[in-house]
């Protein structure tokens, strides 16, 4: 983060820490470079006035700071002090000199070899340290990862979610960054350790391939892709691909924990009973090398020496809690549909991309109305959203092209119409969209249950989203149950229309297609007296009923 001079309106000190320079600003406030009594540099975030007057913010800020100060580990930036009760609340962390993962990849290209492997381990260790004390990052992405001379550092954890995350529909309804969110974050606003694990995989995919895993585009387009497409993992090395696929499983409960990831990624020779932080530090000492790291941070040695006064009362340095010993989990396997293995991409020199410019928020704001209109058209047609012109991002097809018939062998569990037909075939109720057609219950969110077809009872997960154009879409995931383990995993995108009291779920496009399977359509009559339950018919030969419950 570049250092810039102070302005006349900037404070001379915050919480007793003398302020030396500006480091940047954002939706949450201004970040300053300061020093502690020993002369060590600190990054002090001073909360914006508009948030300081919000009692709900102060309550959340206080709770998150308390937890964040307990985070240890070697790949997190330590929280030193904070005052949630000040006129302008503030938070101080240790200052680390480095460039963000976004800046490094834009300047140097995709990471390869030991650096990439060390990054995967370092980020998993940081999440494990957070989750151990109950902290969830909620917004892990390349710009929140600093690459320093000593290793990767995760920043903005615990307290960045309130104002610096990006709402994708109405203000405050979804928290996270487009393209690095888990499906359940988009569908229901759910966050937890399982969403951090998904964001970890997407961040690693960016580092390994040099491009965003869901491509480039407006926030509304990326929202559609998170729900309706698989991320593009072409170019991820084979040694990392199975771990990323496991972390990207649509069912949050099927993903490995951050500690699981760490044990899978550490070298086989590592002592399974050793402290994960110590094992991570040894790996970084041996393999972390960043030749050509762009120098975007002013050398602190050239700054004037400041002799600060002691910090104010209540700003005592917090000592991180020692990490607890983790147990050795079982090996996690990939999801039902294997990904596309690839090779590391070359590391071309390139100028920083246009997305790294400070003016991108203004561009998005100016184009907002046009973006919504484009997305509404794309969604209504049922086709995949394409990257914006000039994005230069190659997309890997994961489903049959529209109009392509899918062969169905005799005796398959899902005989029926081709997935390229988003019509009412297979027995679904014909429906015409109507502005007055509003279901009697709220639908967006996660719904879990099952359905019955000729292959037996099958697990069902519906991730329903209301788009800015007021269209209802759902990602439908089916999976094996303990009582019927032979069923494969699969998922497809469905369009939802409510007409004449009936919800019509019409299959549009495969996301993950098991061999020989076709999409089924569903119908249900929502009941206002049971707003958390949906049940109805599976409209396909050999199938009968389904039932799901709101999560």
Protein backbone atom coordinates (compact mmCIF):
# COMPACT_ATOMS: atom_id res chain seq x y z
CA UNK A 1 0.00 0.00 0.00
CA UNK A 2 1.67 3.30 -1.07
CA UNK A 3 2.46 5.89 1.61
CA UNK A 4 1.28 9.49 1.01
CA UNK A 5 1.75 12.71 3.04
CA UNK A 6 -0.71 13.81 5.70
CA UNK A 7 -3.38 16.39 4.92
CA UNK A 8 -4.28 19.38 7.11
CA UNK A 9 -7.50 17.62 8.21
CA UNK A 10 -5.67 14.45 9.35
CA UNK A 11 -5.14 13.84 13.08
CA UNK A 12 -1.70 14.20 14.68
CA UNK A 13 -2.29 11.03 16.72
CA UNK A 14 -4.89 8.30 17.17
CA UNK A 15 -5.29 6.62 20.52
CA UNK A 16 -1.92 7.98 21.63
CA UNK A 17 -0.11 6.65 18.56
CA UNK A 18 1.59 9.48 16.56
CA UNK A 19 0.47 9.50 12.91
CA UNK A 20 3.21 9.75 10.26
CA UNK A 21 1.48 9.35 6.88
CA UNK A 22 -1.61 8.18 5.01
CA UNK A 23 -1.80 4.63 3.74
CA UNK A 24 -5.18 4.81 2.01
CA UNK A 25 -8.93 5.17 2.46
CA UNK A 26 -12.07 3.16 1.81
CA UNK A 27 -15.71 2.77 2.72
CA UNK A 28 -14.85 2.03 6.36
CA UNK A 29 -12.52 4.98 6.96
CA UNK A 30 -8.94 6.14 6.53
CA UNK A 31 -5.84 4.04 7.23
CA UNK A 32 -2.79 5.82 8.65
CA UNK A 33 0.82 4.87 9.24
CA UNK A 34 1.67 5.35 12.91
CA UNK A 35 4.24 4.07 15.40
CA UNK A 36 4.09 2.38 18.79
CA UNK A 37 6.23 3.45 21.80
CA UNK A 38 9.11 1.28 20.59
CA UNK A 39 9.07 2.96 17.18
CA UNK A 40 7.55 -0.04 15.36
CA UNK A 41 5.22 0.88 12.47
CA UNK A 42 1.48 0.33 12.80
CA UNK A 43 -1.44 0.58 10.38
CA UNK A 44 -4.27 2.41 12.19
CA UNK A 45 -7.74 2.40 10.65
CA UNK A 46 -9.91 5.32 11.79
CA UNK A 47 -13.61 4.64 11.28
CA UNK A 48 -15.65 7.03 9.13
CA UNK A 49 -17.97 9.50 10.89
CA UNK A 50 -21.08 8.07 9.23
CA UNK A 51 -20.38 4.68 10.81
CA UNK A 52 -19.27 6.05 14.18
CA UNK A 53 -22.83 7.26 14.80
CA UNK A 54 -24.38 3.85 14.13
CA UNK A 55 -24.96 1.93 17.42
CA UNK A 56 -25.33 -1.35 15.55
CA UNK A 57 -21.94 -0.85 13.93
CA UNK A 58 -20.28 -0.09 17.25
CA UNK A 59 -21.72 -3.24 18.80
CA UNK A 60 -20.55 -5.43 15.92
CA UNK A 61 -17.19 -3.65 15.77
CA UNK A 62 -16.60 -4.25 19.48
CA UNK A 63 -17.44 -7.94 19.21
CA UNK A 64 -15.32 -8.54 16.12
CA UNK A 65 -12.31 -6.64 17.50
CA UNK A 66 -12.37 -8.69 20.70
CA UNK A 67 -12.22 -11.90 18.67
CA UNK A 68 -9.71 -10.60 16.12
CA UNK A 69 -7.22 -9.65 18.85
CA UNK A 70 -7.04 -13.30 19.85
CA UNK A 71 -5.94 -14.49 16.40
CA UNK A 72 -2.42 -15.87 16.24
CA UNK A 73 -0.63 -17.66 13.43
CA UNK A 74 2.24 -16.69 11.16
CA UNK A 75 0.26 -15.54 8.10
CA UNK A 76 -2.13 -13.05 9.69
CA UNK A 77 -1.52 -9.39 10.45
CA UNK A 78 -1.75 -9.06 14.24
CA UNK A 79 -4.35 -6.75 15.77
CA UNK A 80 -2.49 -4.61 18.33
CA UNK A 81 -5.13 -2.33 19.86
CA UNK A 82 -8.55 -0.77 19.26
CA UNK A 83 -11.07 1.58 20.87
CA UNK A 84 -14.66 0.89 19.78
CA UNK A 85 -15.96 3.52 22.23
CA UNK A 86 -13.96 6.50 20.94
CA UNK A 87 -15.75 9.36 19.17
CA UNK A 88 -14.19 7.94 16.01
CA UNK A 89 -13.54 4.22 16.67
CA UNK A 90 -10.16 2.94 15.51
CA UNK A 91 -8.22 -0.28 15.04
CA UNK A 92 -4.43 -0.70 15.02
CA UNK A 93 -2.60 -3.61 13.41
CA UNK A 94 1.05 -4.30 12.80
CA UNK A 95 2.29 -2.76 9.57
CA UNK A 96 3.79 -5.08 6.96
CA UNK A 97 5.50 -3.91 3.79
CA UNK A 98 4.39 -5.79 0.71
CA UNK A 99 2.25 -5.83 -2.41
CA UNK A 100 -1.19 -7.37 -2.71
CA UNK A 101 -1.63 -10.65 -4.55
CA UNK A 102 -3.66 -8.71 -7.12
CA UNK A 103 -0.75 -6.32 -7.81
CA UNK A 104 1.85 -9.08 -8.02
CA UNK A 105 -0.16 -11.24 -10.44
CA UNK A 106 -1.04 -8.24 -12.64
CA UNK A 107 2.63 -7.24 -12.80
CA UNK A 108 4.36 -10.64 -12.89
CA UNK A 109 1.76 -13.16 -14.04
CA UNK A 110 0.58 -16.37 -12.38
CA UNK A 111 2.55 -17.78 -9.46
CA UNK A 112 4.28 -21.10 -9.99
CA UNK A 113 6.24 -23.77 -8.15
CA UNK A 114 7.19 -23.39 -4.51
CA UNK A 115 5.78 -19.88 -4.23
CA UNK A 116 2.30 -21.04 -5.23
CA UNK A 117 2.46 -24.07 -2.91
CA UNK A 118 3.64 -21.88 -0.04
CA UNK A 119 0.84 -19.41 -0.68
CA UNK A 120 -1.74 -22.21 -0.49
CA UNK A 121 -0.33 -23.38 2.84
CA UNK A 122 0.04 -19.87 4.23
CA UNK A 123 -3.53 -18.85 3.49
CA UNK A 124 -4.87 -22.12 4.91
CA UNK A 125 -2.82 -21.55 8.08
CA UNK A 126 -4.20 -18.01 8.41
CA UNK A 127 -7.81 -19.22 8.10
CA UNK A 128 -7.15 -22.06 10.53
CA UNK A 129 -5.80 -19.57 13.09
CA UNK A 130 -8.88 -17.36 12.66
CA UNK A 131 -11.43 -20.15 12.79
CA UNK A 132 -9.80 -21.62 15.89
CA UNK A 133 -10.85 -18.55 17.91
CA UNK A 134 -14.19 -18.02 16.21
CA UNK A 135 -13.21 -15.36 13.67
CA UNK A 136 -14.56 -15.56 10.10
CA UNK A 137 -12.91 -13.42 7.45
CA UNK A 138 -15.99 -13.13 5.20
CA UNK A 139 -14.11 -11.36 2.39
CA UNK A 140 -10.95 -13.29 1.52
CA UNK A 141 -9.80 -12.24 -1.96
CA UNK A 142 -6.51 -11.40 -3.73
CA UNK A 143 -6.51 -7.75 -2.65
CA UNK A 144 -6.73 -8.84 1.00
CA UNK A 145 -3.57 -10.95 0.71
CA UNK A 146 -0.20 -9.19 1.04
CA UNK A 147 2.92 -10.88 -0.31
CA UNK A 148 5.85 -9.85 1.89
CA UNK A 149 9.48 -10.86 2.09
CA UNK A 150 8.61 -13.30 4.89
CA UNK A 151 5.51 -14.87 3.36
CA UNK A 152 1.84 -14.15 2.62
CA UNK A 153 -0.19 -12.14 5.13
CA UNK A 154 -4.00 -12.02 5.32
CA UNK A 155 -5.38 -8.60 6.20
CA UNK A 156 -8.79 -7.05 6.93
CA UNK A 157 -10.18 -10.06 8.76
CA UNK A 158 -12.99 -9.94 11.27
CA UNK A 159 -14.00 -6.30 10.89
CA UNK A 160 -13.83 -5.52 7.15
CA UNK A 161 -17.22 -7.04 6.36
CA UNK A 162 -19.47 -4.23 7.57
CA UNK A 163 -18.74 -1.44 5.12
CA UNK A 164 -16.06 -2.54 2.69
CA UNK A 165 -17.80 -5.58 1.28
CA UNK A 166 -19.90 -5.25 -1.85
CA UNK A 167 -23.69 -5.65 -1.77
CA UNK A 168 -24.87 -7.30 -4.97
CA UNK A 169 -28.61 -6.67 -4.68
CA UNK A 170 -30.06 -4.25 -2.13
CA UNK A 171 -27.69 -2.41 0.23
CA UNK A 172 -26.46 -4.63 3.06
CA UNK A 173 -28.23 -7.74 1.79
CA UNK A 174 -25.15 -9.59 0.54
CA UNK A 175 -21.66 -9.29 1.94
CA UNK A 176 -18.57 -10.25 -0.01
CA UNK A 177 -16.67 -9.47 -3.19
CA UNK A 178 -18.12 -10.49 -6.57
CA UNK A 179 -16.28 -13.44 -8.02
CA UNK A 180 -14.78 -14.64 -4.72
CA UNK A 181 -17.98 -15.58 -2.87
CA UNK A 182 -19.44 -18.98 -2.09
CA UNK A 183 -22.82 -19.92 -3.61
CA UNK A 184 -24.52 -19.83 -0.20
CA UNK A 185 -23.21 -16.28 0.34
CA UNK A 186 -24.96 -15.17 -2.82
CA UNK A 187 -28.11 -17.21 -2.28
CA UNK A 188 -28.73 -16.58 1.41
CA UNK A 189 -26.08 -14.18 2.70
CA UNK A 190 -24.64 -17.01 4.82
CA UNK A 191 -21.06 -16.67 6.03
CA UNK A 192 -18.92 -18.97 8.13
CA UNK A 193 -15.71 -20.99 8.03
CA UNK A 194 -17.14 -22.92 5.06
CA UNK A 195 -17.45 -19.73 2.97
CA UNK A 196 -13.87 -18.75 3.83
CA UNK A 197 -12.71 -22.15 2.52
CA UNK A 198 -14.51 -21.57 -0.78
CA UNK A 199 -12.97 -18.07 -1.06
CA UNK A 200 -9.56 -19.62 -0.31
CA UNK A 201 -9.93 -21.91 -3.34
CA UNK A 202 -11.03 -19.07 -5.62
CA UNK A 203 -8.14 -16.88 -4.45
CA UNK A 204 -5.68 -19.73 -5.12
CA UNK A 205 -7.22 -20.25 -8.56
CA UNK A 206 -6.51 -16.59 -9.37
CA UNK A 207 -2.91 -16.93 -8.17
CA UNK A 208 -2.35 -20.15 -10.16
CA UNK A 209 -3.90 -19.01 -13.45
CA UNK A 210 -3.44 -15.24 -13.47
CA UNK A 211 -7.14 -14.56 -14.07
CA UNK A 212 -10.31 -14.32 -11.95
CA UNK A 213 -11.95 -17.77 -11.75
CA UNK A 214 -15.37 -16.37 -12.73
CA UNK A 215 -13.97 -13.99 -15.34
CA UNK A 216 -14.48 -10.24 -15.50
CA UNK A 217 -17.79 -8.39 -15.50
CA UNK A 218 -20.19 -6.24 -13.56
CA UNK A 219 -21.22 -7.40 -10.06
CA UNK A 220 -24.62 -8.63 -11.27
CA UNK A 221 -22.98 -10.78 -13.95
CA UNK A 222 -20.53 -12.30 -11.45
CA UNK A 223 -23.44 -13.06 -9.11
CA UNK A 224 -25.09 -15.04 -11.91
CA UNK A 225 -21.89 -16.97 -12.57
CA UNK A 226 -21.31 -17.88 -8.92
CA UNK A 227 -24.76 -19.46 -8.81
CA UNK A 228 -25.00 -20.82 -12.35
CA UNK A 229 -21.47 -21.79 -13.40
CA UNK A 230 -18.44 -23.67 -12.20
CA UNK A 231 -15.29 -21.54 -11.80
CA UNK A 232 -12.73 -21.88 -14.55
CA UNK A 233 -9.81 -23.87 -13.08
CA UNK A 234 -7.96 -24.43 -16.36
CA UNK A 235 -4.28 -23.96 -15.63
CA UNK A 236 -4.38 -24.96 -11.95
CA UNK A 237 -1.54 -27.48 -11.41
CA UNK A 238 -2.62 -31.10 -11.05
CA UNK A 239 -1.14 -31.33 -7.55
CA UNK A 240 -3.51 -28.60 -6.29
CA UNK A 241 -6.59 -29.30 -8.39
CA UNK A 242 -8.21 -32.02 -6.19
CA UNK A 243 -7.86 -29.86 -3.07
CA UNK A 244 -9.41 -26.83 -4.77
CA UNK A 245 -12.28 -28.92 -6.13
CA UNK A 246 -13.02 -30.24 -2.64
CA UNK A 247 -13.00 -26.69 -1.23
CA UNK A 248 -15.41 -25.57 -3.97
CA UNK A 249 -18.07 -28.22 -3.34
CA UNK A 250 -21.56 -26.66 -3.60
CA UNK A 251 -22.65 -28.25 -0.33
CA UNK A 252 -20.87 -26.29 2.43
CA UNK A 253 -20.95 -29.30 4.74
CA UNK A 254 -18.95 -31.33 2.22
CA UNK A 255 -15.99 -28.93 2.14
CA UNK A 256 -12.83 -29.57 4.15
CA UNK A 257 -12.05 -27.26 7.05
CA UNK A 258 -9.11 -24.87 6.89
CA UNK A 259 -7.21 -27.21 9.23
CA UNK A 260 -7.99 -30.12 6.87
CA UNK A 261 -6.57 -28.09 3.99
CA UNK A 262 -3.44 -27.31 5.94
CA UNK A 263 -2.72 -30.95 6.76
CA UNK A 264 -3.36 -32.02 3.16
CA UNK A 265 -1.03 -29.35 1.75
CA UNK A 266 1.90 -29.60 4.15
CA UNK A 267 4.68 -31.92 2.94
CA UNK A 268 4.18 -35.60 3.69
CA UNK A 269 7.30 -35.55 5.87
CA UNK A 270 5.74 -33.00 8.23
CA UNK A 271 5.02 -34.23 11.73
CA UNK A 272 1.22 -34.56 12.02
CA UNK A 273 1.42 -33.70 15.74
CA UNK A 274 3.48 -30.55 15.20
CA UNK A 275 2.10 -27.06 15.68
CA UNK A 276 0.59 -26.03 12.28
CA UNK A 277 2.04 -22.55 12.62
CA UNK A 278 5.55 -23.92 13.17
CA UNK A 279 5.22 -26.31 10.22
CA UNK A 280 3.99 -23.47 8.02
CA UNK A 281 6.87 -21.23 9.11
CA UNK A 282 9.42 -23.95 8.26
CA UNK A 283 7.89 -24.37 4.80
CA UNK A 284 8.00 -20.61 4.19
CA UNK A 285 11.63 -20.44 5.33
CA UNK A 286 12.54 -23.17 2.83
CA UNK A 287 10.41 -22.34 -0.22
CA UNK A 288 9.12 -18.75 -0.11
CA UNK A 289 10.98 -16.70 -2.71
CA UNK A 290 9.54 -13.74 -4.58
CA UNK A 291 11.98 -12.63 -7.29
CA UNK A 292 10.75 -9.58 -9.17
CA UNK A 293 8.23 -8.56 -6.49
CA UNK A 294 7.12 -5.05 -7.48
CA UNK A 295 8.15 -2.38 -5.00
CA UNK A 296 4.91 -0.49 -4.35
CA UNK A 297 5.54 0.37 -0.71
CA UNK A 298 7.70 3.29 0.35
CA UNK A 299 10.76 2.15 2.30
CA UNK A 300 10.01 2.87 5.94
CA UNK A 301 13.72 3.39 6.57
CA UNK A 302 13.59 6.65 4.62
CA UNK A 303 10.84 8.11 6.79
CA UNK A 304 11.62 10.49 9.66
CA UNK A 305 12.01 8.83 13.05
CA UNK A 306 9.10 9.58 15.37
CA UNK A 307 9.43 9.40 19.13
CA UNK A 308 5.86 8.84 20.28
CA UNK A 309 4.32 9.44 23.65
CA UNK A 310 2.85 6.39 25.47
CA UNK A 311 -0.46 5.21 24.05
CA UNK A 312 -3.69 6.27 25.68
CA UNK A 313 -5.34 4.15 28.34
CA UNK A 314 -7.22 1.22 26.87
CA UNK A 315 -4.84 0.78 23.93
CA UNK A 316 -2.73 -1.96 25.42
CA UNK A 317 -1.06 -4.41 23.09
CA UNK A 318 -2.89 -7.72 22.90
CA UNK A 319 -0.87 -10.91 22.86
CA UNK A 320 -2.15 -13.49 20.38
CA UNK A 321 -3.35 -16.75 21.83
CA UNK A 322 -1.14 -19.75 21.05
CA UNK A 323 -2.68 -21.93 18.36
CA UNK A 324 -4.25 -25.16 19.53
CA UNK A 325 -3.00 -28.48 18.25
CA UNK A 326 -5.04 -29.74 15.33
CA UNK A 327 -6.05 -33.30 14.73
CA UNK A 328 -5.15 -35.11 11.54
CA UNK A 329 -8.28 -35.40 9.37
CA UNK A 330 -9.03 -37.94 6.73
CA UNK A 331 -8.20 -37.28 3.12
CA UNK A 332 -10.89 -35.32 1.29
CA UNK A 333 -11.68 -36.33 -2.24
CA UNK A 334 -12.90 -34.29 -5.21
CA UNK A 335 -16.58 -33.78 -5.96
CA UNK A 336 -18.49 -36.01 -8.34
CA UNK A 337 -17.58 -34.20 -11.52
CA UNK A 338 -13.81 -34.03 -12.02
CA UNK A 339 -12.37 -30.68 -13.15
CA UNK A 340 -10.18 -29.98 -16.09
CA UNK A 341 -6.54 -30.53 -15.19
CA UNK A 342 -4.15 -28.00 -16.60
CA UNK A 343 -0.55 -26.88 -16.60
CA UNK A 344 0.91 -23.73 -15.06
CA UNK A 345 0.52 -20.80 -17.40
CA UNK A 346 3.53 -18.70 -18.46
CA UNK A 347 4.42 -15.64 -16.45
CA UNK A 348 4.33 -12.80 -18.99
CA UNK A 349 5.29 -9.30 -17.97
CA UNK A 350 2.30 -7.03 -18.16
CA UNK A 351 1.18 -3.60 -17.07
CA UNK A 352 -1.35 -3.47 -14.23
CA UNK A 353 -4.85 -4.16 -15.54
CA UNK A 354 -7.61 -1.55 -15.63
CA UNK A 355 -9.37 -3.18 -12.67
CA UNK A 356 -6.52 -2.05 -10.41
CA UNK A 357 -7.23 1.62 -11.09
CA UNK A 358 -8.76 3.80 -8.36
CA UNK A 359 -11.52 4.93 -10.70
CA UNK A 360 -13.17 1.53 -11.23
CA UNK A 361 -15.94 2.16 -8.61
CA UNK A 362 -17.02 5.23 -10.58
CA UNK A 363 -17.09 3.23 -13.82
CA UNK A 364 -19.31 0.58 -12.22
CA UNK A 365 -21.62 3.23 -10.81
CA UNK A 366 -21.98 5.03 -14.15
CA UNK A 367 -22.73 1.77 -15.96
CA UNK A 368 -25.05 0.38 -13.29
CA UNK A 369 -28.34 0.82 -15.14
CA UNK A 370 -26.93 -0.61 -18.35
CA UNK A 371 -25.43 -3.59 -16.48
CA UNK A 372 -28.74 -4.52 -14.90
CA UNK A 373 -30.48 -4.37 -18.27
CA UNK A 374 -27.84 -6.59 -19.86
CA UNK A 375 -28.00 -9.16 -17.07
CA UNK A 376 -31.78 -9.24 -17.18
CA UNK A 377 -31.60 -10.03 -20.90
CA UNK A 378 -28.98 -12.75 -20.38
CA UNK A 379 -30.88 -14.39 -17.57
CA UNK A 380 -34.21 -14.29 -19.37
CA UNK A 381 -32.66 -16.07 -22.34
CA UNK A 382 -31.32 -18.74 -20.00
CA UNK A 383 -27.84 -18.65 -21.53
CA UNK A 384 -24.56 -18.25 -19.72
CA UNK A 385 -23.39 -14.73 -18.99
CA UNK A 386 -20.38 -13.89 -21.11
CA UNK A 387 -17.34 -11.86 -20.06
CA UNK A 388 -17.40 -8.21 -20.99
CA UNK A 389 -15.88 -7.29 -24.31
CA UNK A 390 -12.14 -7.02 -24.22
CA UNK A 391 -11.83 -8.97 -20.98
CA UNK A 392 -9.52 -11.44 -22.64
CA UNK A 393 -10.57 -14.23 -20.29
CA UNK A 394 -10.86 -17.72 -21.75
CA UNK A 395 -13.90 -19.60 -20.47
CA UNK A 396 -13.88 -23.39 -20.29
CA UNK A 397 -17.16 -25.01 -21.20
CA UNK A 398 -18.55 -27.26 -18.46
CA UNK A 399 -21.90 -28.09 -20.02
CA UNK A 400 -23.33 -29.00 -23.43
CA UNK A 401 -23.91 -26.04 -25.72
CA UNK A 402 -27.53 -24.91 -26.12
CA UNK A 403 -29.30 -26.95 -28.75
CA UNK A 404 -27.09 -29.99 -28.26
CA UNK A 405 -28.99 -33.18 -27.51
CA UNK A 406 -27.72 -35.26 -24.63
CA UNK A 407 -27.71 -39.01 -25.26
CA UNK A 408 -29.74 -40.97 -22.73
CA UNK A 409 -28.94 -44.68 -22.56
CA UNK A 410 -31.77 -47.11 -22.09
CA UNK A 411 -32.57 -47.72 -18.45
CA UNK A 412 -30.93 -44.51 -17.22
CA UNK A 413 -32.28 -43.06 -14.00
CA UNK A 414 -33.26 -39.83 -15.71
CA UNK A 415 -34.87 -40.57 -19.09
CA UNK A 416 -36.57 -37.51 -20.48
CA UNK A 417 -36.18 -34.31 -22.46
CA UNK A 418 -32.86 -32.79 -23.43
CA UNK A 419 -31.41 -30.21 -21.02
CA UNK A 420 -31.32 -27.77 -23.92
CA UNK A 421 -35.11 -27.44 -23.75
CA UNK A 422 -36.13 -24.92 -21.05
CA UNK A 423 -39.76 -25.53 -21.93
CA UNK A 424 -42.63 -27.03 -19.99
CA UNK A 425 -41.93 -30.48 -21.39
CA UNK A 426 -41.97 -33.41 -19.01
CA UNK A 427 -45.25 -32.37 -17.42
CA UNK A 428 -44.40 -29.00 -15.86
CA UNK A 429 -47.14 -26.40 -15.66
CA UNK A 430 -47.11 -23.77 -18.38
CA UNK A 431 -46.62 -20.29 -16.94
CA UNK A 432 -46.38 -16.72 -18.14
CA UNK A 433 -44.46 -14.15 -16.09
CA UNK A 434 -46.67 -11.55 -14.46
CA UNK A 435 -45.76 -8.51 -12.37
CA UNK A 436 -48.65 -9.34 -10.04
CA UNK A 437 -47.54 -12.96 -9.56
CA UNK A 438 -45.84 -12.91 -6.15
CA UNK A 439 -45.34 -16.12 -4.15
CA UNK A 440 -46.93 -16.07 -0.70
CA UNK A 441 -43.58 -16.91 0.95
CA UNK A 442 -40.05 -15.54 0.64
CA UNK A 443 -38.03 -17.81 -1.64
CA UNK A 444 -34.39 -16.56 -1.82
CA UNK A 445 -32.02 -18.62 0.29
CA UNK A 446 -30.90 -22.21 0.79
CA UNK A 447 -33.39 -25.09 0.89
CA UNK A 448 -32.33 -28.66 1.67
CA UNK A 449 -34.23 -31.94 1.39
CA UNK A 450 -34.63 -34.69 -1.16
CA UNK A 451 -36.63 -36.23 -3.97
CA UNK A 452 -37.52 -39.69 -5.24
CA UNK A 453 -36.91 -41.06 -8.72
CA UNK A 454 -36.18 -44.50 -10.11
CA UNK A 455 -32.64 -44.40 -8.72
CA UNK A 456 -34.06 -44.09 -5.19
CA UNK A 457 -34.03 -41.31 -2.57
CA UNK A 458 -31.64 -38.50 -3.55
CA UNK A 459 -30.43 -35.45 -1.64
CA UNK A 460 -31.50 -32.04 -2.97
CA UNK A 461 -30.06 -28.55 -2.33
CA UNK A 462 -31.76 -25.47 -3.84
CA UNK A 463 -29.89 -22.13 -3.85
CA UNK A 464 -32.52 -19.55 -4.84
CA UNK A 465 -31.57 -16.00 -5.84
CA UNK A 466 -33.67 -12.93 -6.67
CA UNK A 467 -31.80 -10.90 -9.29
CA UNK A 468 -31.84 -7.08 -9.47
CA UNK A 469 -34.35 -7.43 -12.34
CA UNK A 470 -36.68 -9.34 -9.95
CA UNK A 471 -36.22 -12.69 -11.70
CA UNK A 472 -36.04 -15.85 -9.62
CA UNK A 473 -33.31 -18.36 -10.43
CA UNK A 474 -32.03 -21.41 -8.58
CA UNK A 475 -29.03 -23.66 -8.65
CA UNK A 476 -30.22 -27.23 -8.09
CA UNK A 477 -27.65 -29.66 -6.63
CA UNK A 478 -28.40 -33.36 -6.17
CA UNK A 479 -26.17 -35.72 -4.21
CA UNK A 480 -26.07 -39.20 -2.64
CA UNK A 481 -27.63 -39.94 0.75
CA UNK A 482 -26.19 -42.40 3.29
CA UNK A 483 -29.13 -44.68 2.53
CA UNK A 484 -28.45 -44.50 -1.23
CA UNK A 485 -24.72 -43.88 -1.77
CA UNK A 486 -24.65 -44.92 -5.42
CA UNK A 487 -26.24 -41.72 -6.75
CA UNK A 488 -23.74 -39.37 -8.45
CA UNK A 489 -23.47 -35.66 -7.76
CA UNK A 490 -24.75 -33.12 -10.25
CA UNK A 491 -26.11 -29.59 -10.58
CA UNK A 492 -27.94 -27.39 -13.04
CA UNK A 493 -29.44 -23.92 -13.35
CA UNK A 494 -33.21 -23.52 -13.19
CA UNK A 495 -35.59 -20.66 -13.91
CA UNK A 496 -38.46 -20.14 -11.45
CA UNK A 497 -41.82 -18.69 -12.50
CA UNK A 498 -44.81 -18.31 -10.21
CA UNK A 499 -48.22 -18.46 -11.91
CA UNK A 500 -51.71 -19.52 -10.81
CA UNK A 501 -50.42 -20.38 -7.36
CA UNK A 502 -47.77 -22.78 -8.69
CA UNK A 503 -43.98 -22.49 -8.64
CA UNK A 504 -42.42 -23.87 -11.82
CA UNK A 505 -38.74 -24.84 -11.65
CA UNK A 506 -37.58 -25.31 -15.26
CA UNK A 507 -34.12 -26.71 -16.00
CA UNK A 508 -32.08 -24.43 -18.27
CA UNK A 509 -28.41 -25.40 -18.34
CA UNK A 510 -26.12 -27.96 -16.74
CA UNK A 511 -23.40 -26.84 -14.35
CA UNK A 512 -22.11 -30.32 -13.46
CA UNK A 513 -23.65 -33.19 -15.46
CA UNK A 514 -23.19 -36.86 -14.55
CA UNK A 515 -22.98 -39.14 -17.61
CA UNK A 516 -26.38 -40.03 -19.02
CA UNK A 517 -28.41 -37.72 -16.75
CA UNK A 518 -31.04 -35.24 -17.91
CA UNK A 519 -32.61 -32.36 -16.02
CA UNK A 520 -35.96 -32.69 -14.27
CA UNK A 521 -38.57 -29.96 -13.82
CA UNK A 522 -40.28 -29.37 -10.48
CA UNK A 523 -43.61 -27.83 -9.48
CA UNK A 524 -44.85 -26.85 -6.03
CA UNK A 525 -47.66 -24.87 -4.39
CA UNK A 526 -46.13 -22.67 -1.67
CA UNK A 527 -48.18 -22.51 1.54
CA UNK A 528 -48.17 -19.25 3.54
CA UNK A 529 -48.89 -21.23 6.73
CA UNK A 530 -45.65 -23.21 6.23
CA UNK A 531 -43.17 -20.58 4.93
CA UNK A 532 -40.10 -22.74 5.57
CA UNK A 533 -41.24 -25.81 3.63
CA UNK A 534 -41.70 -26.57 -0.06
CA UNK A 535 -43.05 -29.82 -1.47
CA UNK A 536 -44.38 -30.89 -4.83
CA UNK A 537 -43.91 -33.02 -7.92
CA UNK A 538 -40.85 -34.00 -9.95
CA UNK A 539 -42.01 -33.78 -13.56
CA UNK A 540 -40.03 -36.55 -15.22
CA UNK A 541 -40.78 -40.16 -16.05
CA UNK A 542 -39.90 -42.47 -13.18
CA UNK A 543 -39.95 -39.68 -10.58
CA UNK A 544 -42.55 -38.77 -7.95
CA UNK A 545 -42.20 -36.11 -5.25
CA UNK A 546 -39.71 -33.73 -3.61
CA UNK A 547 -39.61 -31.85 -0.31
CA UNK A 548 -37.15 -29.23 0.98
CA UNK A 549 -36.84 -27.15 4.13
CA UNK A 550 -35.35 -23.66 4.48
CA UNK A 551 -31.86 -23.66 6.01
